[in-house]
Amino acid sequence: MMLFHAHLMHQSFLSSRAPTNISTPPWLMVEAREAWMSQLHDDVTVSRSQQELAQILDKLGVRHEVEHVTDDGYFSIDIYLPDHDIAVEFDGPSHYYSNSDSPLRTAKTELRDLFLGQRCAKVLTVPWFEFSKFNASAVKRTLYVRELLAKEGIIV
């Protein structure tokens, strides 16, 4: 699986800048791709916060797909807005370094957004610590999501 991830990184970000011929046995790349694809489909979980975000989008009348797989089949997007080609990623605590004084996104999360940015027009992230500020008020949480969408040019 890691081999295929490295292959995607090389193909997406490095091959045009530093053309390099990396030789791997074809059978190994087939197995690496199969492991990647298996993990993509087996490790799908929809968090409660992600479900709440989807429900707010329903209320606002924004067409969306939960756990949308990209056209190349390599990535699953938390919530996809097909009318706007926007990937919405709900970033829970695991997407941030825990030993930081201020919220600092992990390298893995930054890399995910780079990959998704090549596959969608925009990537919109919803940090858990912002979303959870409005736990006590559904109205305020809806306003928060409406503001996030407005920043991306989606007026609802």
Protein backbone atom coordinates (compact mmCIF):
# COMPACT_ATOMS: atom_id res chain seq x y z
CA MET A 1 0.00 0.00 0.00
CA MET A 2 2.81 2.44 0.89
CA LEU A 3 4.50 1.65 -2.41
CA PHE A 4 1.42 2.73 -4.34
CA HIS A 5 1.13 5.88 -2.21
CA ALA A 6 4.76 6.71 -3.08
CA HIS A 7 3.96 6.00 -6.74
CA LEU A 8 1.03 8.44 -6.63
CA MET A 9 3.20 11.11 -5.00
CA HIS A 10 5.91 10.68 -7.63
CA GLN A 11 3.43 10.65 -10.48
CA SER A 12 1.48 13.65 -9.16
CA PHE A 13 4.17 15.95 -7.86
CA LEU A 14 7.66 14.95 -8.93
CA SER A 15 7.68 13.36 -12.38
CA SER A 16 7.25 16.66 -14.28
CA ARG A 17 9.91 18.50 -12.24
CA ALA A 18 12.51 15.79 -11.99
CA PRO A 19 11.91 13.09 -14.58
CA THR A 20 13.12 9.89 -13.04
CA ASN A 21 12.72 6.37 -14.24
CA ILE A 22 11.71 4.24 -11.29
CA SER A 23 11.71 0.60 -12.14
CA THR A 24 9.39 -1.69 -10.22
CA PRO A 25 8.35 -5.17 -11.20
CA PRO A 26 4.88 -4.90 -12.79
CA TRP A 27 3.45 -7.60 -10.50
CA LEU A 28 4.54 -5.60 -7.45
CA MET A 29 2.80 -2.44 -8.64
CA VAL A 30 -0.36 -4.46 -9.39
CA GLU A 31 -0.36 -5.84 -5.85
CA ALA A 32 0.40 -2.41 -4.35
CA ARG A 33 -2.50 -0.87 -6.30
CA GLU A 34 -4.85 -3.67 -5.23
CA ALA A 35 -3.87 -3.15 -1.56
CA TRP A 36 -4.49 0.61 -1.93
CA MET A 37 -7.89 0.07 -3.53
CA SER A 38 -8.87 -2.53 -0.94
CA GLN A 39 -7.98 -0.16 1.90
CA LEU A 40 -9.93 2.63 0.22
CA HIS A 41 -13.13 0.60 0.23
CA ASP A 42 -12.62 -1.30 3.51
CA ASP A 43 -11.67 1.64 5.74
CA VAL A 44 -14.69 3.86 5.07
CA THR A 45 -16.20 5.25 8.25
CA VAL A 46 -18.57 8.16 8.50
CA SER A 47 -18.19 10.04 11.77
CA ARG A 48 -21.13 11.49 13.66
CA SER A 49 -19.86 15.01 12.93
CA GLN A 50 -19.57 14.18 9.24
CA GLN A 51 -23.19 12.94 9.32
CA GLU A 52 -24.26 16.17 11.05
CA LEU A 53 -22.47 18.22 8.40
CA ALA A 54 -24.27 16.26 5.65
CA GLN A 55 -27.61 16.86 7.41
CA ILE A 56 -26.92 20.61 7.47
CA LEU A 57 -26.14 20.52 3.75
CA ASP A 58 -29.48 18.72 3.26
CA LYS A 59 -31.27 21.47 5.20
CA LEU A 60 -29.55 24.12 3.12
CA GLY A 61 -30.52 22.36 -0.11
CA VAL A 62 -26.93 21.71 -1.21
CA ARG A 63 -26.64 18.58 -3.32
CA HIS A 64 -23.88 16.35 -1.97
CA GLU A 65 -22.51 12.82 -1.86
CA VAL A 66 -21.09 11.26 1.30
CA GLU A 67 -17.88 9.21 0.84
CA HIS A 68 -17.64 9.95 -2.87
CA VAL A 69 -14.85 8.07 -4.62
CA THR A 70 -12.79 10.17 -7.05
CA ASP A 71 -13.05 9.41 -10.76
CA ASP A 72 -9.70 7.60 -10.74
CA GLY A 73 -10.91 5.49 -7.82
CA TYR A 74 -7.92 6.34 -5.63
CA PHE A 75 -9.48 8.58 -2.95
CA SER A 76 -12.68 8.79 -0.94
CA ILE A 77 -13.96 12.30 -0.22
CA ASP A 78 -15.88 12.83 3.03
CA ILE A 79 -18.53 14.94 1.29
CA TYR A 80 -18.50 15.91 -2.37
CA LEU A 81 -20.47 18.82 -3.81
CA PRO A 82 -20.90 17.75 -7.45
CA ASP A 83 -22.54 20.97 -8.64
CA HIS A 84 -19.43 22.89 -7.58
CA ASP A 85 -16.74 20.19 -7.86
CA ILE A 86 -15.75 20.77 -4.24
CA ALA A 87 -14.32 18.17 -1.87
CA VAL A 88 -15.39 18.80 1.72
CA GLU A 89 -13.20 17.15 4.32
CA PHE A 90 -14.18 17.05 7.97
CA ASP A 91 -10.89 17.17 9.85
CA GLY A 92 -11.16 15.55 13.26
CA PRO A 93 -8.43 15.58 15.93
CA SER A 94 -6.32 12.96 14.11
CA HIS A 95 -5.71 15.50 11.32
CA TYR A 96 -3.79 17.77 13.71
CA TYR A 97 -0.58 17.36 15.67
CA SER A 98 -1.51 16.98 19.33
CA ASN A 99 1.66 18.47 20.78
CA SER A 100 1.18 21.84 19.13
CA ASP A 101 0.05 24.97 20.98
CA SER A 102 -2.04 26.03 18.02
CA PRO A 103 -3.86 23.72 15.59
CA LEU A 104 -1.27 22.44 13.12
CA ARG A 105 -2.41 20.07 10.40
CA THR A 106 -0.45 16.86 9.90
CA ALA A 107 1.67 16.31 6.81
CA LYS A 108 -0.61 13.40 5.88
CA THR A 109 -3.62 15.76 5.92
CA GLU A 110 -1.79 18.36 3.81
CA LEU A 111 -0.84 15.64 1.32
CA ARG A 112 -4.45 14.43 1.17
CA ASP A 113 -5.57 17.95 0.27
CA LEU A 114 -2.90 18.21 -2.44
CA PHE A 115 -4.14 14.96 -3.99
CA LEU A 116 -7.79 16.03 -3.76
CA GLY A 117 -6.93 19.46 -5.14
CA GLN A 118 -5.73 17.75 -8.32
CA ARG A 119 -9.03 15.92 -8.61
CA CYS A 120 -11.50 18.66 -7.65
CA ALA A 121 -11.78 22.39 -8.29
CA LYS A 122 -11.53 23.13 -4.55
CA VAL A 123 -10.96 21.44 -1.22
CA LEU A 124 -12.90 22.83 1.74
CA THR A 125 -11.84 21.64 5.16
CA VAL A 126 -14.03 21.82 8.25
CA PRO A 127 -11.88 21.73 11.40
CA TRP A 128 -13.45 19.80 14.28
CA PHE A 129 -12.55 22.49 16.83
CA GLU A 130 -14.51 25.12 14.86
CA PHE A 131 -17.49 22.85 14.17
CA SER A 132 -17.71 21.72 17.80
CA LYS A 133 -17.88 25.32 19.07
CA PHE A 134 -21.53 25.29 18.01
CA ASN A 135 -22.59 21.97 19.60
CA ALA A 136 -25.23 23.69 21.71
CA SER A 137 -26.89 25.51 18.83
CA ALA A 138 -28.09 23.91 15.59
CA VAL A 139 -28.89 27.38 14.24
CA LYS A 140 -25.35 28.67 14.85
CA ARG A 141 -23.85 25.50 13.38
CA THR A 142 -25.97 25.96 10.25
CA LEU A 143 -24.86 29.59 10.00
CA TYR A 144 -21.24 28.48 10.33
CA VAL A 145 -21.63 26.03 7.42
CA ARG A 146 -23.48 28.67 5.38
CA GLU A 147 -20.54 31.06 5.91
CA LEU A 148 -18.01 28.41 4.87
CA LEU A 149 -19.98 27.78 1.69
CA ALA A 150 -20.30 31.50 0.98
CA LYS A 151 -16.50 31.84 1.12
CA GLU A 152 -16.40 29.30 -1.71
CA GLY A 153 -19.00 31.21 -3.72
CA ILE A 154 -21.97 29.00 -2.78
CA ILE A 155 -24.82 31.20 -1.63
CA VAL A 156 -27.67 29.36 0.12
